[in-house]
Each structure stands twice: as structure tokens, then as C-alpha cells.
Amino acid sequence: MKTYTTSEIARSIGIHSNTVRLYEELELIPKAERKENGYRVFTDFHMEQIKFARIALKVEVLQNGLRKQAITIIKTSASGNFDKAIGLTEHYLQQIKNEQKNAEEAIEITQRLLSGSSLGEESGTMVLTRKETADYLQISMDALRNWEMNGLLTIKRKQNGYRVYTDKDIRRLKIIRSLRCANYSLSAILRMLNTLSQNPKADIRQVIDTPDESDDIISVCDKLLTSLHYAEENAKVMLMHLEEIKKQFETNPTL
């Protein structure tokens, strides 16, 4: 059986020795045996398991517990239960596909809501209070406040200071609600709305998935479609790597 020191395994994979120790502490790899002098002894299984963990953590998808699922898959593989890890990865892949479907459907809903109208047109006959609007859209008043505070919409006020939500506002809120339910970020939605107000013929799908170069901080939800695509491809690689690990170490994970 070939064995490695902490520095050897770190150098082979291209990571810091402290990262190897951290993976062990987080149970992303099996606990290493130790020599009499206290030095850790790693095996080929540790080597492959670290590679697998790095594959699984390569793409950051946080929504609906996907990141937590990836961690569970890594730990399950580290325990030597490869069949369960493969099953969890298949479920993980399916959920990513479901997230992709939701993201695409939200864009379709947005396109239908905008069809034949523009975000800047005059309001119609509907006039609702904030509470009435929240109840009508089945969202919380806190969500409404948050969207307004982040600049996604500006609401007119009566002379008494109360907000009044019109047909135009409701349509805009339906768009925001649909996109938020699909986990698009507030900044991505605002970018799309601002672009459409200037260019109603803009490609919604492209705009919402393309952060501005001037954006200081970009999250995966600012380019959700791209991130989910990478996550799907990454999950397929995870499955292949697990199958290879299973063949090599199923009878004895310590080899």
C-alpha cells in the first residue's frame, strides 16, 4: 500500500498542507492513521477523495440546500459508502436540473408579462395599499419593503403619505416575484429592469445573466443561468469520479 505524508499529498494535488488537515477536520476525507511520532499517514484513497471534494466544491450553488447536499455527498464518499454517495449525487443533479427549469420558466413568465406592454406605461385602474398588494401577490410586506429599498420599484404616495400601488406596479412586482422565486439576485433583477426601461427589446435572458463590468461584488445568483449550467456539468463529473473511486476502493477504501 502506497502512503503519503501531509506535504506529499498537498504537493501532489496542488493545495496547502493546512487544507489537507482542514479536509480531515471537516470529515471530507477519512481520518488519517498516525505514526508513532504523530505524523499523519495518507493513502491513495485520501488522494482521490480530496480530488473528489475539490470537484464537488468547484461550483458554488447555494439555493435550496444544494451546497449542503454537496457536502453530504463528499462525507458519504469519505465514509466508503459509494453507492449511497452515487444515489445522492443523482438526486443532486436532478435538483440542479429542476432549478434550471424554474429559472427558465421565470424568464418565460417575465416575457409574457411584458408582452405588448412596457415598464414605463401609464398605470390603469388598480389602486392598492401596501397590505392589499402584499395579500394580492401572496408575498410579505417585508419583501415589498426590501424590493423598494433596493431600488427595484418606486411607489407613488398619496397626499397623506400612504403608498399607492397601480396596475403598472403590480405587473412589475409579479415579474420581481417570479424571478426571486427562481433565485435570481436582486442586483440581476434590477439590472434587467433598468435595461428594459431603456431598451424594451433587450434580450432578457442575456441581460439577467450578465453582470456589469462595474459591479464590485458578483454572486452566483447574479449569473444564475450560467452558474446552474456549470453546476450541472460539474455534477456529471462528480458521478463519473465516484464510479471510478467505487471500482478502485469499494473492497478496501484504505488502499
C-alpha atoms as a PDB file:
ATOM      1  CA  MET A   1       0.000   0.000   0.000  1.00  0.00           C
ATOM      2  CA  LYS A   2       1.416   3.375  -1.026  1.00  0.00           C
ATOM      3  CA  THR A   3       1.319   6.057   1.645  1.00  0.00           C
ATOM      4  CA  TYR A   4       1.900   9.814   1.702  1.00  0.00           C
ATOM      5  CA  THR A   5       2.819  12.476   4.215  1.00  0.00           C
ATOM      6  CA  THR A   6       0.680  15.594   4.566  1.00  0.00           C
ATOM      7  CA  SER A   7       3.110  17.664   2.493  1.00  0.00           C
ATOM      8  CA  GLU A   8       3.388  14.980  -0.206  1.00  0.00           C
ATOM      9  CA  ILE A   9      -0.347  14.721  -0.721  1.00  0.00           C
ATOM     10  CA  ALA A  10      -0.707  18.515  -0.649  1.00  0.00           C
ATOM     11  CA  ARG A  11       2.073  18.992  -3.203  1.00  0.00           C
ATOM     12  CA  SER A  12       0.666  16.273  -5.461  1.00  0.00           C
ATOM     13  CA  ILE A  13      -2.789  17.898  -5.597  1.00  0.00           C
ATOM     14  CA  GLY A  14      -1.538  21.488  -5.546  1.00  0.00           C
ATOM     15  CA  ILE A  15      -3.009  22.681  -2.256  1.00  0.00           C
ATOM     16  CA  HIS A  16      -1.615  23.844   1.083  1.00  0.00           C
ATOM     17  CA  SER A  17      -0.910  21.295   3.802  1.00  0.00           C
ATOM     18  CA  ASN A  18      -3.326  23.148   6.057  1.00  0.00           C
ATOM     19  CA  THR A  19      -6.074  22.480   3.505  1.00  0.00           C
ATOM     20  CA  VAL A  20      -5.448  18.749   3.797  1.00  0.00           C
ATOM     21  CA  ARG A  21      -5.722  19.000   7.584  1.00  0.00           C
ATOM     22  CA  LEU A  22      -8.891  21.086   7.248  1.00  0.00           C
ATOM     23  CA  TYR A  23     -10.493  18.491   4.962  1.00  0.00           C
ATOM     24  CA  GLU A  24      -9.760  15.852   7.600  1.00  0.00           C
ATOM     25  CA  GLU A  25     -11.183  18.054  10.366  1.00  0.00           C
ATOM     26  CA  LEU A  26     -14.369  18.652   8.343  1.00  0.00           C
ATOM     27  CA  GLU A  27     -14.689  14.902   7.622  1.00  0.00           C
ATOM     28  CA  LEU A  28     -14.389  15.441   3.875  1.00  0.00           C
ATOM     29  CA  ILE A  29     -11.725  12.734   3.882  1.00  0.00           C
ATOM     30  CA  PRO A  30     -11.298   9.771   6.259  1.00  0.00           C
ATOM     31  CA  LYS A  31      -9.312  10.335   9.434  1.00  0.00           C
ATOM     32  CA  ALA A  32      -5.678   9.520   8.688  1.00  0.00           C
ATOM     33  CA  GLU A  33      -3.714   6.923  10.611  1.00  0.00           C
ATOM     34  CA  ARG A  34      -0.736   8.266  12.525  1.00  0.00           C
ATOM     35  CA  LYS A  35       2.808   7.047  13.014  1.00  0.00           C
ATOM     36  CA  GLU A  36       4.351   6.761  16.460  1.00  0.00           C
ATOM     37  CA  ASN A  37       5.807  10.234  16.002  1.00  0.00           C
ATOM     38  CA  GLY A  38       2.296  11.615  15.409  1.00  0.00           C
ATOM     39  CA  TYR A  39       2.708  12.281  11.690  1.00  0.00           C
ATOM     40  CA  ARG A  40      -0.322  11.560   9.544  1.00  0.00           C
ATOM     41  CA  VAL A  41      -0.252   8.723   7.020  1.00  0.00           C
ATOM     42  CA  PHE A  42      -2.415   9.202   3.928  1.00  0.00           C
ATOM     43  CA  THR A  43      -3.311   6.632   1.254  1.00  0.00           C
ATOM     44  CA  ASP A  44      -4.383   6.606  -2.382  1.00  0.00           C
ATOM     45  CA  PHE A  45      -7.993   6.763  -1.192  1.00  0.00           C
ATOM     46  CA  HIS A  46      -7.272  10.018   0.637  1.00  0.00           C
ATOM     47  CA  MET A  47      -5.701  11.329  -2.545  1.00  0.00           C
ATOM     48  CA  GLU A  48      -8.734  10.509  -4.696  1.00  0.00           C
ATOM     49  CA  GLN A  49     -11.194  11.671  -2.045  1.00  0.00           C
ATOM     50  CA  ILE A  50      -9.532  15.090  -1.852  1.00  0.00           C
ATOM     51  CA  LYS A  51      -9.708  15.342  -5.635  1.00  0.00           C
ATOM     52  CA  PHE A  52     -13.397  14.442  -5.478  1.00  0.00           C
ATOM     53  CA  ALA A  53     -14.075  17.019  -2.749  1.00  0.00           C
ATOM     54  CA  ARG A  54     -12.444  19.723  -4.838  1.00  0.00           C
ATOM     55  CA  ILE A  55     -14.577  18.742  -7.826  1.00  0.00           C
ATOM     56  CA  ALA A  56     -17.751  18.844  -5.736  1.00  0.00           C
ATOM     57  CA  LEU A  57     -16.911  22.254  -4.246  1.00  0.00           C
ATOM     58  CA  LYS A  58     -15.727  23.782  -7.510  1.00  0.00           C
ATOM     59  CA  VAL A  59     -19.080  25.354  -8.377  1.00  0.00           C
ATOM     60  CA  GLU A  60     -20.839  27.360  -5.682  1.00  0.00           C
ATOM     61  CA  VAL A  61     -24.597  26.820  -5.776  1.00  0.00           C
ATOM     62  CA  LEU A  62     -26.300  27.804  -2.556  1.00  0.00           C
ATOM     63  CA  GLN A  63     -30.038  27.847  -3.233  1.00  0.00           C
ATOM     64  CA  ASN A  64     -32.418  25.294  -1.734  1.00  0.00           C
ATOM     65  CA  GLY A  65     -29.736  23.415   0.140  1.00  0.00           C
ATOM     66  CA  LEU A  66     -27.632  22.431  -2.892  1.00  0.00           C
ATOM     67  CA  ARG A  67     -24.353  23.351  -1.186  1.00  0.00           C
ATOM     68  CA  LYS A  68     -25.335  21.319   1.863  1.00  0.00           C
ATOM     69  CA  GLN A  69     -26.152  18.367  -0.388  1.00  0.00           C
ATOM     70  CA  ALA A  70     -22.700  18.569  -1.984  1.00  0.00           C
ATOM     71  CA  ILE A  71     -21.054  18.464   1.460  1.00  0.00           C
ATOM     72  CA  THR A  72     -23.173  15.430   2.413  1.00  0.00           C
ATOM     73  CA  ILE A  73     -22.130  13.644  -0.780  1.00  0.00           C
ATOM     74  CA  ILE A  74     -18.443  14.255  -0.046  1.00  0.00           C
ATOM     75  CA  LYS A  75     -18.766  12.981   3.526  1.00  0.00           C
ATOM     76  CA  THR A  76     -20.705   9.925   2.385  1.00  0.00           C
ATOM     77  CA  SER A  77     -17.983   9.061  -0.113  1.00  0.00           C
ATOM     78  CA  ALA A  78     -15.328   9.636   2.562  1.00  0.00           C
ATOM     79  CA  SER A  79     -17.081   7.050   4.751  1.00  0.00           C
ATOM     80  CA  GLY A  80     -16.725   4.465   1.958  1.00  0.00           C
ATOM     81  CA  ASN A  81     -20.461   4.261   1.197  1.00  0.00           C
ATOM     82  CA  PHE A  82     -20.044   4.821  -2.530  1.00  0.00           C
ATOM     83  CA  ASP A  83     -23.441   3.514  -3.650  1.00  0.00           C
ATOM     84  CA  LYS A  84     -25.210   5.949  -1.348  1.00  0.00           C
ATOM     85  CA  ALA A  85     -22.933   8.776  -2.496  1.00  0.00           C
ATOM     86  CA  ILE A  86     -23.792   7.983  -6.125  1.00  0.00           C
ATOM     87  CA  GLY A  87     -27.513   7.974  -5.329  1.00  0.00           C
ATOM     88  CA  LEU A  88     -27.216  11.319  -3.526  1.00  0.00           C
ATOM     89  CA  THR A  89     -25.324  12.774  -6.485  1.00  0.00           C
ATOM     90  CA  GLU A  90     -28.011  11.626  -8.918  1.00  0.00           C
ATOM     91  CA  HIS A  91     -30.603  13.387  -6.727  1.00  0.00           C
ATOM     92  CA  TYR A  92     -28.332  16.442  -6.552  1.00  0.00           C
ATOM     93  CA  LEU A  93     -28.081  16.515 -10.353  1.00  0.00           C
ATOM     94  CA  GLN A  94     -31.852  16.250 -10.717  1.00  0.00           C
ATOM     95  CA  GLN A  95     -32.406  19.150  -8.322  1.00  0.00           C
ATOM     96  CA  ILE A  96     -29.973  21.288 -10.301  1.00  0.00           C
ATOM     97  CA  LYS A  97     -31.994  20.494 -13.427  1.00  0.00           C
ATOM     98  CA  ASN A  98     -35.163  21.490 -11.557  1.00  0.00           C
ATOM     99  CA  GLU A  99     -33.530  24.796 -10.586  1.00  0.00           C
ATOM    100  CA  GLN A 100     -32.632  25.351 -14.243  1.00  0.00           C
ATOM    101  CA  LYS A 101     -36.233  24.693 -15.237  1.00  0.00           C
ATOM    102  CA  ASN A 102     -37.507  27.168 -12.627  1.00  0.00           C
ATOM    103  CA  ALA A 103     -35.031  29.800 -13.799  1.00  0.00           C
ATOM    104  CA  GLU A 104     -36.084  29.394 -17.434  1.00  0.00           C
ATOM    105  CA  GLU A 105     -39.799  29.411 -16.542  1.00  0.00           C
ATOM    106  CA  ALA A 106     -39.347  32.653 -14.612  1.00  0.00           C
ATOM    107  CA  ILE A 107     -37.911  34.268 -17.727  1.00  0.00           C
ATOM    108  CA  GLU A 108     -40.858  32.982 -19.779  1.00  0.00           C
ATOM    109  CA  ILE A 109     -43.283  34.449 -17.224  1.00  0.00           C
ATOM    110  CA  THR A 110     -41.419  37.757 -17.399  1.00  0.00           C
ATOM    111  CA  GLN A 111     -41.626  37.777 -21.190  1.00  0.00           C
ATOM    112  CA  ARG A 112     -45.381  37.078 -21.084  1.00  0.00           C
ATOM    113  CA  LEU A 113     -45.969  39.840 -18.549  1.00  0.00           C
ATOM    114  CA  LEU A 114     -44.038  42.278 -20.704  1.00  0.00           C
ATOM    115  CA  SER A 115     -45.617  41.166 -23.951  1.00  0.00           C
ATOM    116  CA  GLY A 116     -47.459  44.024 -25.596  1.00  0.00           C
ATOM    117  CA  SER A 117     -46.588  46.454 -22.827  1.00  0.00           C
ATOM    118  CA  SER A 118     -43.666  48.417 -21.455  1.00  0.00           C
ATOM    119  CA  LEU A 119     -42.447  49.025 -17.925  1.00  0.00           C
ATOM    120  CA  GLY A 120     -42.940  52.739 -18.337  1.00  0.00           C
ATOM    121  CA  GLU A 121     -46.537  52.831 -19.494  1.00  0.00           C
ATOM    122  CA  GLU A 122     -49.186  54.714 -17.534  1.00  0.00           C
ATOM    123  CA  SER A 123     -50.994  52.916 -14.742  1.00  0.00           C
ATOM    124  CA  GLY A 124     -54.504  51.579 -15.180  1.00  0.00           C
ATOM    125  CA  THR A 125     -57.403  51.366 -12.786  1.00  0.00           C
ATOM    126  CA  MET A 126     -55.952  49.234  -9.957  1.00  0.00           C
ATOM    127  CA  VAL A 127     -55.052  51.145  -6.804  1.00  0.00           C
ATOM    128  CA  LEU A 128     -53.965  49.118  -3.755  1.00  0.00           C
ATOM    129  CA  THR A 129     -52.383  49.804  -0.390  1.00  0.00           C
ATOM    130  CA  ARG A 130     -49.147  48.055   0.599  1.00  0.00           C
ATOM    131  CA  LYS A 131     -51.020  45.450   2.665  1.00  0.00           C
ATOM    132  CA  GLU A 132     -53.549  44.878  -0.109  1.00  0.00           C
ATOM    133  CA  THR A 133     -50.700  44.477  -2.596  1.00  0.00           C
ATOM    134  CA  ALA A 134     -48.870  42.001  -0.356  1.00  0.00           C
ATOM    135  CA  ASP A 135     -52.070  39.972   0.100  1.00  0.00           C
ATOM    136  CA  TYR A 136     -52.894  40.110  -3.612  1.00  0.00           C
ATOM    137  CA  LEU A 137     -49.444  38.856  -4.626  1.00  0.00           C
ATOM    138  CA  GLN A 138     -49.172  36.495  -1.643  1.00  0.00           C
ATOM    139  CA  ILE A 139     -45.873  37.935  -0.504  1.00  0.00           C
ATOM    140  CA  SER A 140     -44.821  39.506   2.780  1.00  0.00           C
ATOM    141  CA  MET A 141     -44.811  43.235   3.414  1.00  0.00           C
ATOM    142  CA  ASP A 142     -41.154  42.863   4.378  1.00  0.00           C
ATOM    143  CA  ALA A 143     -40.433  41.571   0.869  1.00  0.00           C
ATOM    144  CA  LEU A 144     -42.154  44.617  -0.601  1.00  0.00           C
ATOM    145  CA  ARG A 145     -40.128  46.950   1.621  1.00  0.00           C
ATOM    146  CA  ASN A 146     -36.915  45.134   0.727  1.00  0.00           C
ATOM    147  CA  TRP A 147     -37.569  45.375  -3.014  1.00  0.00           C
ATOM    148  CA  GLU A 148     -38.359  49.070  -2.727  1.00  0.00           C
ATOM    149  CA  MET A 149     -35.271  49.747  -0.568  1.00  0.00           C
ATOM    150  CA  ASN A 150     -33.109  48.005  -3.178  1.00  0.00           C
ATOM    151  CA  GLY A 151     -34.482  50.195  -5.952  1.00  0.00           C
ATOM    152  CA  LEU A 152     -36.490  47.570  -7.830  1.00  0.00           C
ATOM    153  CA  LEU A 153     -39.524  49.852  -7.897  1.00  0.00           C
ATOM    154  CA  THR A 154     -40.527  53.344  -6.828  1.00  0.00           C
ATOM    155  CA  ILE A 155     -44.036  53.721  -5.450  1.00  0.00           C
ATOM    156  CA  LYS A 156     -46.100  56.907  -5.616  1.00  0.00           C
ATOM    157  CA  ARG A 157     -47.674  58.274  -2.449  1.00  0.00           C
ATOM    158  CA  LYS A 158     -50.968  59.959  -1.757  1.00  0.00           C
ATOM    159  CA  GLN A 159     -51.090  63.377  -0.140  1.00  0.00           C
ATOM    160  CA  ASN A 160     -51.400  61.654   3.231  1.00  0.00           C
ATOM    161  CA  GLY A 161     -48.099  59.854   2.622  1.00  0.00           C
ATOM    162  CA  TYR A 162     -49.533  56.356   2.060  1.00  0.00           C
ATOM    163  CA  ARG A 163     -48.157  54.323  -0.821  1.00  0.00           C
ATOM    164  CA  VAL A 164     -50.426  53.524  -3.764  1.00  0.00           C
ATOM    165  CA  TYR A 165     -49.751  50.507  -5.969  1.00  0.00           C
ATOM    166  CA  THR A 166     -51.109  50.698  -9.522  1.00  0.00           C
ATOM    167  CA  ASP A 167     -51.541  48.194 -12.359  1.00  0.00           C
ATOM    168  CA  LYS A 168     -48.041  49.039 -13.601  1.00  0.00           C
ATOM    169  CA  ASP A 169     -46.584  48.437 -10.140  1.00  0.00           C
ATOM    170  CA  ILE A 170     -48.416  45.122  -9.755  1.00  0.00           C
ATOM    171  CA  ARG A 171     -47.135  43.883 -13.118  1.00  0.00           C
ATOM    172  CA  ARG A 172     -43.589  44.872 -12.180  1.00  0.00           C
ATOM    173  CA  LEU A 173     -43.977  43.164  -8.798  1.00  0.00           C
ATOM    174  CA  LYS A 174     -45.183  39.963 -10.471  1.00  0.00           C
ATOM    175  CA  ILE A 175     -42.014  39.972 -12.548  1.00  0.00           C
ATOM    176  CA  ILE A 176     -39.852  40.510  -9.471  1.00  0.00           C
ATOM    177  CA  ARG A 177     -41.706  37.818  -7.522  1.00  0.00           C
ATOM    178  CA  SER A 178     -41.304  35.240 -10.301  1.00  0.00           C
ATOM    179  CA  LEU A 179     -37.589  35.925 -10.690  1.00  0.00           C
ATOM    180  CA  ARG A 180     -36.947  35.936  -6.933  1.00  0.00           C
ATOM    181  CA  CYS A 181     -38.793  32.615  -6.550  1.00  0.00           C
ATOM    182  CA  ALA A 182     -36.343  31.203  -9.101  1.00  0.00           C
ATOM    183  CA  ASN A 183     -33.420  32.578  -7.007  1.00  0.00           C
ATOM    184  CA  TYR A 184     -32.278  35.386  -9.291  1.00  0.00           C
ATOM    185  CA  SER A 185     -30.463  38.010  -7.229  1.00  0.00           C
ATOM    186  CA  LEU A 186     -31.891  41.457  -6.561  1.00  0.00           C
ATOM    187  CA  SER A 187     -28.999  43.045  -8.461  1.00  0.00           C
ATOM    188  CA  ALA A 188     -29.631  40.820 -11.505  1.00  0.00           C
ATOM    189  CA  ILE A 189     -33.337  41.711 -11.498  1.00  0.00           C
ATOM    190  CA  LEU A 190     -32.614  45.415 -11.095  1.00  0.00           C
ATOM    191  CA  ARG A 191     -30.099  45.252 -13.944  1.00  0.00           C
ATOM    192  CA  MET A 192     -32.706  43.638 -16.170  1.00  0.00           C
ATOM    193  CA  LEU A 193     -35.468  46.108 -15.247  1.00  0.00           C
ATOM    194  CA  ASN A 194     -33.211  49.121 -15.796  1.00  0.00           C
ATOM    195  CA  THR A 195     -32.086  47.786 -19.167  1.00  0.00           C
ATOM    196  CA  LEU A 196     -35.662  47.105 -20.291  1.00  0.00           C
ATOM    197  CA  SER A 197     -36.766  50.595 -19.303  1.00  0.00           C
ATOM    198  CA  GLN A 198     -34.159  51.959 -21.728  1.00  0.00           C
ATOM    199  CA  ASN A 199     -34.429  49.223 -24.338  1.00  0.00           C
ATOM    200  CA  PRO A 200     -37.693  47.217 -24.251  1.00  0.00           C
ATOM    201  CA  LYS A 201     -36.366  44.907 -26.976  1.00  0.00           C
ATOM    202  CA  ALA A 202     -33.311  43.839 -24.970  1.00  0.00           C
ATOM    203  CA  ASP A 203     -32.645  40.112 -24.610  1.00  0.00           C
ATOM    204  CA  ILE A 204     -33.964  39.381 -21.108  1.00  0.00           C
ATOM    205  CA  ARG A 205     -32.138  36.084 -20.808  1.00  0.00           C
ATOM    206  CA  GLN A 206     -28.788  37.625 -21.691  1.00  0.00           C
ATOM    207  CA  VAL A 207     -29.175  40.756 -19.577  1.00  0.00           C
ATOM    208  CA  ILE A 208     -30.205  38.956 -16.404  1.00  0.00           C
ATOM    209  CA  ASP A 209     -27.270  36.536 -16.717  1.00  0.00           C
ATOM    210  CA  THR A 210     -24.582  39.122 -17.485  1.00  0.00           C
ATOM    211  CA  PRO A 211     -23.317  41.274 -14.574  1.00  0.00           C
ATOM    212  CA  ASP A 212     -21.981  44.723 -15.361  1.00  0.00           C
ATOM    213  CA  GLU A 213     -18.202  45.082 -15.521  1.00  0.00           C
ATOM    214  CA  SER A 214     -18.524  47.846 -12.927  1.00  0.00           C
ATOM    215  CA  ASP A 215     -20.147  45.541 -10.347  1.00  0.00           C
ATOM    216  CA  ASP A 216     -17.804  45.243  -7.367  1.00  0.00           C
ATOM    217  CA  ILE A 217     -19.243  42.020  -5.947  1.00  0.00           C
ATOM    218  CA  ILE A 218     -20.752  39.311  -8.141  1.00  0.00           C
ATOM    219  CA  SER A 219     -22.567  36.302  -6.680  1.00  0.00           C
ATOM    220  CA  VAL A 220     -23.590  33.090  -8.424  1.00  0.00           C
ATOM    221  CA  CYS A 221     -27.205  34.319  -8.430  1.00  0.00           C
ATOM    222  CA  ASP A 222     -26.136  37.381 -10.434  1.00  0.00           C
ATOM    223  CA  LYS A 223     -25.432  34.978 -13.311  1.00  0.00           C
ATOM    224  CA  LEU A 224     -27.803  32.200 -12.278  1.00  0.00           C
ATOM    225  CA  LEU A 225     -28.281  30.501 -15.651  1.00  0.00           C
ATOM    226  CA  THR A 226     -24.548  30.198 -16.230  1.00  0.00           C
ATOM    227  CA  SER A 227     -23.891  29.021 -12.674  1.00  0.00           C
ATOM    228  CA  LEU A 228     -26.557  26.317 -12.903  1.00  0.00           C
ATOM    229  CA  HIS A 229     -25.167  25.152 -16.238  1.00  0.00           C
ATOM    230  CA  TYR A 230     -21.712  24.783 -14.704  1.00  0.00           C
ATOM    231  CA  ALA A 231     -23.247  23.058 -11.688  1.00  0.00           C
ATOM    232  CA  GLU A 232     -24.953  20.503 -13.931  1.00  0.00           C
ATOM    233  CA  GLU A 233     -21.747  19.730 -15.814  1.00  0.00           C
ATOM    234  CA  ASN A 234     -19.866  19.538 -12.522  1.00  0.00           C
ATOM    235  CA  ALA A 235     -22.396  17.093 -11.042  1.00  0.00           C
ATOM    236  CA  LYS A 236     -21.890  14.805 -14.050  1.00  0.00           C
ATOM    237  CA  VAL A 237     -18.131  14.849 -13.431  1.00  0.00           C
ATOM    238  CA  MET A 238     -18.815  14.025  -9.765  1.00  0.00           C
ATOM    239  CA  LEU A 239     -20.791  10.961 -10.827  1.00  0.00           C
ATOM    240  CA  MET A 240     -18.005   9.732 -13.082  1.00  0.00           C
ATOM    241  CA  HIS A 241     -15.383  10.278 -10.400  1.00  0.00           C
ATOM    242  CA  LEU A 242     -17.478   8.412  -7.827  1.00  0.00           C
ATOM    243  CA  GLU A 243     -17.853   5.469 -10.174  1.00  0.00           C
ATOM    244  CA  GLU A 244     -14.071   5.366 -10.594  1.00  0.00           C
ATOM    245  CA  ILE A 245     -13.491   5.598  -6.841  1.00  0.00           C
ATOM    246  CA  LYS A 246     -16.019   2.839  -6.262  1.00  0.00           C
ATOM    247  CA  LYS A 247     -14.246   0.492  -8.684  1.00  0.00           C
ATOM    248  CA  GLN A 248     -10.863   1.192  -7.162  1.00  0.00           C
ATOM    249  CA  PHE A 249     -11.658   1.279  -3.443  1.00  0.00           C
ATOM    250  CA  GLU A 250     -15.019  -0.409  -2.807  1.00  0.00           C
ATOM    251  CA  THR A 251     -13.462  -3.581  -1.293  1.00  0.00           C
ATOM    252  CA  ASN A 252     -10.931  -1.652   0.793  1.00  0.00           C
ATOM    253  CA  PRO A 253     -11.187   2.171   0.989  1.00  0.00           C
ATOM    254  CA  THR A 254      -7.871   2.366   2.872  1.00  0.00           C
ATOM    255  CA  LEU A 255      -5.832   1.254  -0.171  1.00  0.00           C
END
